[in-house]
Amino acid sequence: MPNIKLLFFGSEESQTQKHQLECYQNHNNNIYLNIDTFGWDSSFICLDKSTAIKLHRELKKQISFLKDE
């Protein structure tokens, strides 16, 4: 298992710059996603491989609908 943790931060437009999404593979061989909303309780979810793939595909689809600035 790689020793990698990714952090993504919110946007200025949504005023969520202090919020972060943490992503890594956990010891149960799942994708662990934690959302830390600055000043609020954190939430997390663990996804198995097939669910993570579906999330990946949906994110790619939704990103394709975004307009370039």
PDB file of N, CA and C in Angstrom:
ATOM      1  N   MET A   1       0.857  -1.181   0.000  1.00  0.00           N
ATOM      2  CA  MET A   1       0.000   0.000   0.000  1.00  0.00           C
ATOM      3  C   MET A   1       0.896   1.236   0.000  1.00  0.00           C
ATOM      4  N   PRO A   2       0.684   2.133  -0.954  1.00  0.00           N
ATOM      5  CA  PRO A   2       1.509   3.346  -1.006  1.00  0.00           C
ATOM      6  C   PRO A   2       1.243   4.240   0.208  1.00  0.00           C
ATOM      7  N   ASN A   3       2.234   4.993   0.567  1.00  0.00           N
ATOM      8  CA  ASN A   3       2.145   5.899   1.704  1.00  0.00           C
ATOM      9  C   ASN A   3       1.862   7.307   1.197  1.00  0.00           C
ATOM     10  N   ILE A   4       0.647   7.499   0.640  1.00  0.00           N
ATOM     11  CA  ILE A   4       0.275   8.762   0.005  1.00  0.00           C
ATOM     12  C   ILE A   4      -1.056   9.227   0.564  1.00  0.00           C
ATOM     13  N   LYS A   5      -1.146  10.513   0.832  1.00  0.00           N
ATOM     14  CA  LYS A   5      -2.402  11.127   1.248  1.00  0.00           C
ATOM     15  C   LYS A   5      -2.569  12.399   0.424  1.00  0.00           C
ATOM     16  N   LEU A   6      -3.714  12.546  -0.225  1.00  0.00           N
ATOM     17  CA  LEU A   6      -3.987  13.729  -1.036  1.00  0.00           C
ATOM     18  C   LEU A   6      -4.929  14.658  -0.281  1.00  0.00           C
ATOM     19  N   LEU A   7      -4.663  15.949  -0.365  1.00  0.00           N
ATOM     20  CA  LEU A   7      -5.540  16.960   0.223  1.00  0.00           C
ATOM     21  C   LEU A   7      -5.994  17.912  -0.872  1.00  0.00           C
ATOM     22  N   PHE A   8      -7.290  18.180  -0.902  1.00  0.00           N
ATOM     23  CA  PHE A   8      -7.873  19.145  -1.828  1.00  0.00           C
ATOM     24  C   PHE A   8      -8.580  20.201  -0.995  1.00  0.00           C
ATOM     25  N   PHE A   9      -8.462  21.437  -1.399  1.00  0.00           N
ATOM     26  CA  PHE A   9      -9.062  22.546  -0.653  1.00  0.00           C
ATOM     27  C   PHE A   9     -10.182  23.191  -1.455  1.00  0.00           C
ATOM     28  N   GLY A  10     -11.120  23.809  -0.749  1.00  0.00           N
ATOM     29  CA  GLY A  10     -12.260  24.464  -1.380  1.00  0.00           C
ATOM     30  C   GLY A  10     -11.851  25.713  -2.146  1.00  0.00           C
ATOM     31  N   SER A  11     -12.827  26.300  -2.815  1.00  0.00           N
ATOM     32  CA  SER A  11     -12.558  27.454  -3.676  1.00  0.00           C
ATOM     33  C   SER A  11     -12.845  28.770  -2.955  1.00  0.00           C
ATOM     34  N   GLU A  12     -12.228  29.833  -3.478  1.00  0.00           N
ATOM     35  CA  GLU A  12     -12.499  31.166  -2.952  1.00  0.00           C
ATOM     36  C   GLU A  12     -13.938  31.575  -3.232  1.00  0.00           C
ATOM     37  N   GLU A  13     -14.431  31.238  -4.425  1.00  0.00           N
ATOM     38  CA  GLU A  13     -15.789  31.632  -4.814  1.00  0.00           C
ATOM     39  C   GLU A  13     -16.834  31.090  -3.854  1.00  0.00           C
ATOM     40  N   SER A  14     -16.618  29.874  -3.354  1.00  0.00           N
ATOM     41  CA  SER A  14     -17.579  29.267  -2.432  1.00  0.00           C
ATOM     42  C   SER A  14     -17.240  29.582  -0.969  1.00  0.00           C
ATOM     43  N   GLN A  15     -16.153  30.324  -0.770  1.00  0.00           N
ATOM     44  CA  GLN A  15     -15.666  30.681   0.561  1.00  0.00           C
ATOM     45  C   GLN A  15     -15.428  29.438   1.418  1.00  0.00           C
ATOM     46  N   THR A  16     -14.831  28.414   0.794  1.00  0.00           N
ATOM     47  CA  THR A  16     -14.512  27.163   1.493  1.00  0.00           C
ATOM     48  C   THR A  16     -13.019  26.858   1.416  1.00  0.00           C
ATOM     49  N   GLN A  17     -12.175  27.901   1.336  1.00  0.00           N
ATOM     50  CA  GLN A  17     -10.744  27.707   1.198  1.00  0.00           C
ATOM     51  C   GLN A  17     -10.152  26.912   2.365  1.00  0.00           C
ATOM     52  N   LYS A  18     -10.748  27.023   3.555  1.00  0.00           N
ATOM     53  CA  LYS A  18     -10.226  26.314   4.731  1.00  0.00           C
ATOM     54  C   LYS A  18     -10.763  24.887   4.825  1.00  0.00           C
ATOM     55  N   HIS A  19     -11.760  24.549   4.027  1.00  0.00           N
ATOM     56  CA  HIS A  19     -12.296  23.191   4.017  1.00  0.00           C
ATOM     57  C   HIS A  19     -11.354  22.303   3.217  1.00  0.00           C
ATOM     58  N   GLN A  20     -11.245  21.049   3.613  1.00  0.00           N
ATOM     59  CA  GLN A  20     -10.370  20.163   2.859  1.00  0.00           C
ATOM     60  C   GLN A  20     -10.960  18.772   2.726  1.00  0.00           C
ATOM     61  N   LEU A  21     -10.641  18.168   1.596  1.00  0.00           N
ATOM     62  CA  LEU A  21     -11.009  16.789   1.297  1.00  0.00           C
ATOM     63  C   LEU A  21      -9.723  15.967   1.349  1.00  0.00           C
ATOM     64  N   GLU A  22      -9.721  14.968   2.201  1.00  0.00           N
ATOM     65  CA  GLU A  22      -8.566  14.098   2.385  1.00  0.00           C
ATOM     66  C   GLU A  22      -8.877  12.755   1.724  1.00  0.00           C
ATOM     67  N   CYS A  23      -7.935  12.222   0.986  1.00  0.00           N
ATOM     68  CA  CYS A  23      -8.176  10.995   0.224  1.00  0.00           C
ATOM     69  C   CYS A  23      -6.951  10.095   0.295  1.00  0.00           C
ATOM     70  N   TYR A  24      -7.194   8.831   0.655  1.00  0.00           N
ATOM     71  CA  TYR A  24      -6.123   7.842   0.628  1.00  0.00           C
ATOM     72  C   TYR A  24      -6.696   6.433   0.717  1.00  0.00           C
ATOM     73  N   GLN A  25      -5.860   5.450   0.439  1.00  0.00           N
ATOM     74  CA  GLN A  25      -6.239   4.044   0.571  1.00  0.00           C
ATOM     75  C   GLN A  25      -5.994   3.642   2.016  1.00  0.00           C
ATOM     76  N   ASN A  26      -7.016   3.088   2.681  1.00  0.00           N
ATOM     77  CA  ASN A  26      -6.837   2.707   4.081  1.00  0.00           C
ATOM     78  C   ASN A  26      -6.391   1.255   4.211  1.00  0.00           C
ATOM     79  N   HIS A  27      -6.202   0.805   5.442  1.00  0.00           N
ATOM     80  CA  HIS A  27      -5.703  -0.546   5.704  1.00  0.00           C
ATOM     81  C   HIS A  27      -6.709  -1.639   5.345  1.00  0.00           C
ATOM     82  N   ASN A  28      -7.980  -1.281   5.108  1.00  0.00           N
ATOM     83  CA  ASN A  28      -9.007  -2.248   4.683  1.00  0.00           C
ATOM     84  C   ASN A  28      -9.128  -2.334   3.169  1.00  0.00           C
ATOM     85  N   ASN A  29      -8.172  -1.733   2.457  1.00  0.00           N
ATOM     86  CA  ASN A  29      -8.160  -1.732   1.000  1.00  0.00           C
ATOM     87  C   ASN A  29      -9.372  -1.016   0.413  1.00  0.00           C
ATOM     88  N   ASN A  30      -9.783   0.054   1.071  1.00  0.00           N
ATOM     89  CA  ASN A  30     -10.856   0.933   0.597  1.00  0.00           C
ATOM     90  C   ASN A  30     -10.283   2.321   0.347  1.00  0.00           C
ATOM     91  N   ILE A  31     -11.006   3.098  -0.417  1.00  0.00           N
ATOM     92  CA  ILE A  31     -10.666   4.508  -0.587  1.00  0.00           C
ATOM     93  C   ILE A  31     -11.355   5.272   0.535  1.00  0.00           C
ATOM     94  N   TYR A  32     -10.571   5.949   1.337  1.00  0.00           N
ATOM     95  CA  TYR A  32     -11.070   6.725   2.477  1.00  0.00           C
ATOM     96  C   TYR A  32     -11.154   8.183   2.055  1.00  0.00           C
ATOM     97  N   LEU A  33     -12.320   8.789   2.214  1.00  0.00           N
ATOM     98  CA  LEU A  33     -12.529  10.206   1.919  1.00  0.00           C
ATOM     99  C   LEU A  33     -13.025  10.884   3.187  1.00  0.00           C
ATOM    100  N   ASN A  34     -12.330  11.908   3.610  1.00  0.00           N
ATOM    101  CA  ASN A  34     -12.718  12.682   4.785  1.00  0.00           C
ATOM    102  C   ASN A  34     -12.922  14.125   4.355  1.00  0.00           C
ATOM    103  N   ILE A  35     -14.010  14.718   4.778  1.00  0.00           N
ATOM    104  CA  ILE A  35     -14.250  16.137   4.510  1.00  0.00           C
ATOM    105  C   ILE A  35     -14.194  16.869   5.843  1.00  0.00           C
ATOM    106  N   ASP A  36     -13.213  17.750   5.952  1.00  0.00           N
ATOM    107  CA  ASP A  36     -13.044  18.568   7.147  1.00  0.00           C
ATOM    108  C   ASP A  36     -13.541  19.966   6.822  1.00  0.00           C
ATOM    109  N   THR A  37     -14.687  20.307   7.369  1.00  0.00           N
ATOM    110  CA  THR A  37     -15.264  21.633   7.154  1.00  0.00           C
ATOM    111  C   THR A  37     -14.894  22.492   8.344  1.00  0.00           C
ATOM    112  N   PHE A  38     -13.958  23.365   8.128  1.00  0.00           N
ATOM    113  CA  PHE A  38     -13.381  24.217   9.156  1.00  0.00           C
ATOM    114  C   PHE A  38     -14.469  24.770  10.086  1.00  0.00           C
ATOM    115  N   GLY A  39     -14.372  24.442  11.348  1.00  0.00           N
ATOM    116  CA  GLY A  39     -15.335  24.929  12.329  1.00  0.00           C
ATOM    117  C   GLY A  39     -16.540  24.024  12.534  1.00  0.00           C
ATOM    118  N   TRP A  40     -16.651  22.955  11.765  1.00  0.00           N
ATOM    119  CA  TRP A  40     -17.760  22.016  11.872  1.00  0.00           C
ATOM    120  C   TRP A  40     -17.197  20.614  12.070  1.00  0.00           C
ATOM    121  N   ASP A  41     -18.056  19.661  12.374  1.00  0.00           N
ATOM    122  CA  ASP A  41     -17.610  18.273  12.520  1.00  0.00           C
ATOM    123  C   ASP A  41     -17.182  17.707  11.169  1.00  0.00           C
ATOM    124  N   SER A  42     -16.148  16.874  11.197  1.00  0.00           N
ATOM    125  CA  SER A  42     -15.689  16.193   9.982  1.00  0.00           C
ATOM    126  C   SER A  42     -16.625  15.037   9.651  1.00  0.00           C
ATOM    127  N   SER A  43     -16.658  14.670   8.379  1.00  0.00           N
ATOM    128  CA  SER A  43     -17.411  13.507   7.915  1.00  0.00           C
ATOM    129  C   SER A  43     -16.510  12.674   7.028  1.00  0.00           C
ATOM    130  N   PHE A  44     -16.753  11.362   6.988  1.00  0.00           N
ATOM    131  CA  PHE A  44     -15.939  10.518   6.133  1.00  0.00           C
ATOM    132  C   PHE A  44     -16.793   9.408   5.538  1.00  0.00           C
ATOM    133  N   ILE A  45     -16.243   8.800   4.487  1.00  0.00           N
ATOM    134  CA  ILE A  45     -16.857   7.648   3.848  1.00  0.00           C
ATOM    135  C   ILE A  45     -15.731   6.779   3.298  1.00  0.00           C
ATOM    136  N   CYS A  46     -15.943   5.480   3.311  1.00  0.00           N
ATOM    137  CA  CYS A  46     -14.991   4.533   2.726  1.00  0.00           C
ATOM    138  C   CYS A  46     -15.676   3.862   1.539  1.00  0.00           C
ATOM    139  N   LEU A  47     -14.990   3.837   0.410  1.00  0.00           N
ATOM    140  CA  LEU A  47     -15.551   3.281  -0.814  1.00  0.00           C
ATOM    141  C   LEU A  47     -14.766   2.048  -1.240  1.00  0.00           C
ATOM    142  N   ASP A  48     -15.488   0.997  -1.640  1.00  0.00           N
ATOM    143  CA  ASP A  48     -14.799  -0.149  -2.225  1.00  0.00           C
ATOM    144  C   ASP A  48     -14.382   0.221  -3.649  1.00  0.00           C
ATOM    145  N   LYS A  49     -13.627  -0.643  -4.281  1.00  0.00           N
ATOM    146  CA  LYS A  49     -13.061  -0.323  -5.590  1.00  0.00           C
ATOM    147  C   LYS A  49     -14.129  -0.019  -6.630  1.00  0.00           C
ATOM    148  N   SER A  50     -15.174  -0.840  -6.722  1.00  0.00           N
ATOM    149  CA  SER A  50     -16.185  -0.617  -7.760  1.00  0.00           C
ATOM    150  C   SER A  50     -16.944   0.694  -7.533  1.00  0.00           C
ATOM    151  N   THR A  51     -17.210   1.040  -6.289  1.00  0.00           N
ATOM    152  CA  THR A  51     -17.904   2.298  -6.000  1.00  0.00           C
ATOM    153  C   THR A  51     -16.994   3.483  -6.298  1.00  0.00           C
ATOM    154  N   ALA A  52     -15.714   3.363  -5.969  1.00  0.00           N
ATOM    155  CA  ALA A  52     -14.763   4.438  -6.260  1.00  0.00           C
ATOM    156  C   ALA A  52     -14.651   4.674  -7.767  1.00  0.00           C
ATOM    157  N   ILE A  53     -14.697   3.606  -8.546  1.00  0.00           N
ATOM    158  CA  ILE A  53     -14.658   3.739 -10.006  1.00  0.00           C
ATOM    159  C   ILE A  53     -15.892   4.469 -10.505  1.00  0.00           C
ATOM    160  N   LYS A  54     -17.060   4.147  -9.961  1.00  0.00           N
ATOM    161  CA  LYS A  54     -18.286   4.849 -10.363  1.00  0.00           C
ATOM    162  C   LYS A  54     -18.210   6.323 -10.000  1.00  0.00           C
ATOM    163  N   LEU A  55     -17.679   6.634  -8.815  1.00  0.00           N
ATOM    164  CA  LEU A  55     -17.506   8.032  -8.413  1.00  0.00           C
ATOM    165  C   LEU A  55     -16.561   8.736  -9.381  1.00  0.00           C
ATOM    166  N   HIS A  56     -15.463   8.087  -9.731  1.00  0.00           N
ATOM    167  CA  HIS A  56     -14.496   8.649 -10.676  1.00  0.00           C
ATOM    168  C   HIS A  56     -15.168   8.993 -12.013  1.00  0.00           C
ATOM    169  N   ARG A  57     -15.945   8.061 -12.528  1.00  0.00           N
ATOM    170  CA  ARG A  57     -16.634   8.290 -13.811  1.00  0.00           C
ATOM    171  C   ARG A  57     -17.625   9.447 -13.714  1.00  0.00           C
ATOM    172  N   GLU A  58     -18.347   9.510 -12.610  1.00  0.00           N
ATOM    173  CA  GLU A  58     -19.331  10.595 -12.447  1.00  0.00           C
ATOM    174  C   GLU A  58     -18.636  11.945 -12.300  1.00  0.00           C
ATOM    175  N   LEU A  59     -17.537  11.991 -11.585  1.00  0.00           N
ATOM    176  CA  LEU A  59     -16.786  13.241 -11.469  1.00  0.00           C
ATOM    177  C   LEU A  59     -16.280  13.708 -12.829  1.00  0.00           C
ATOM    178  N   LYS A  60     -15.742  12.774 -13.624  1.00  0.00           N
ATOM    179  CA  LYS A  60     -15.277  13.138 -14.964  1.00  0.00           C
ATOM    180  C   LYS A  60     -16.422  13.697 -15.801  1.00  0.00           C
ATOM    181  N   LYS A  61     -17.602  13.070 -15.694  1.00  0.00           N
ATOM    182  CA  LYS A  61     -18.766  13.530 -16.458  1.00  0.00           C
ATOM    183  C   LYS A  61     -19.176  14.932 -16.015  1.00  0.00           C
ATOM    184  N   GLN A  62     -19.253  15.154 -14.723  1.00  0.00           N
ATOM    185  CA  GLN A  62     -19.667  16.459 -14.215  1.00  0.00           C
ATOM    186  C   GLN A  62     -18.640  17.540 -14.548  1.00  0.00           C
ATOM    187  N   ILE A  63     -17.347  17.179 -14.495  1.00  0.00           N
ATOM    188  CA  ILE A  63     -16.301  18.146 -14.867  1.00  0.00           C
ATOM    189  C   ILE A  63     -16.442  18.553 -16.333  1.00  0.00           C
ATOM    190  N   SER A  64     -16.833  17.629 -17.183  1.00  0.00           N
ATOM    191  CA  SER A  64     -16.982  17.956 -18.606  1.00  0.00           C
ATOM    192  C   SER A  64     -18.103  18.987 -18.835  1.00  0.00           C
ATOM    193  N   PHE A  65     -19.044  19.085 -17.906  1.00  0.00           N
ATOM    194  CA  PHE A  65     -20.137  20.061 -18.035  1.00  0.00           C
ATOM    195  C   PHE A  65     -19.734  21.456 -17.562  1.00  0.00           C
ATOM    196  N   LEU A  66     -18.639  21.573 -16.834  1.00  0.00           N
ATOM    197  CA  LEU A  66     -18.200  22.878 -16.328  1.00  0.00           C
ATOM    198  C   LEU A  66     -17.737  23.752 -17.474  1.00  0.00           C
ATOM    199  N   LYS A  67     -18.052  25.029 -17.366  1.00  0.00           N
ATOM    200  CA  LYS A  67     -17.632  25.982 -18.385  1.00  0.00           C
ATOM    201  C   LYS A  67     -16.269  26.536 -18.004  1.00  0.00           C
ATOM    202  N   ASP A  68     -15.403  26.729 -19.010  1.00  0.00           N
ATOM    203  CA  ASP A  68     -14.109  27.348 -18.761  1.00  0.00           C
ATOM    204  C   ASP A  68     -14.324  28.803 -18.419  1.00  0.00           C
ATOM    205  N   GLU A  69     -13.457  29.308 -17.541  1.00  0.00           N
ATOM    206  CA  GLU A  69     -13.581  30.717 -17.134  1.00  0.00           C
ATOM    207  C   GLU A  69     -12.993  31.651 -18.134  1.00  0.00           C
TER     208      GLU A  69
END
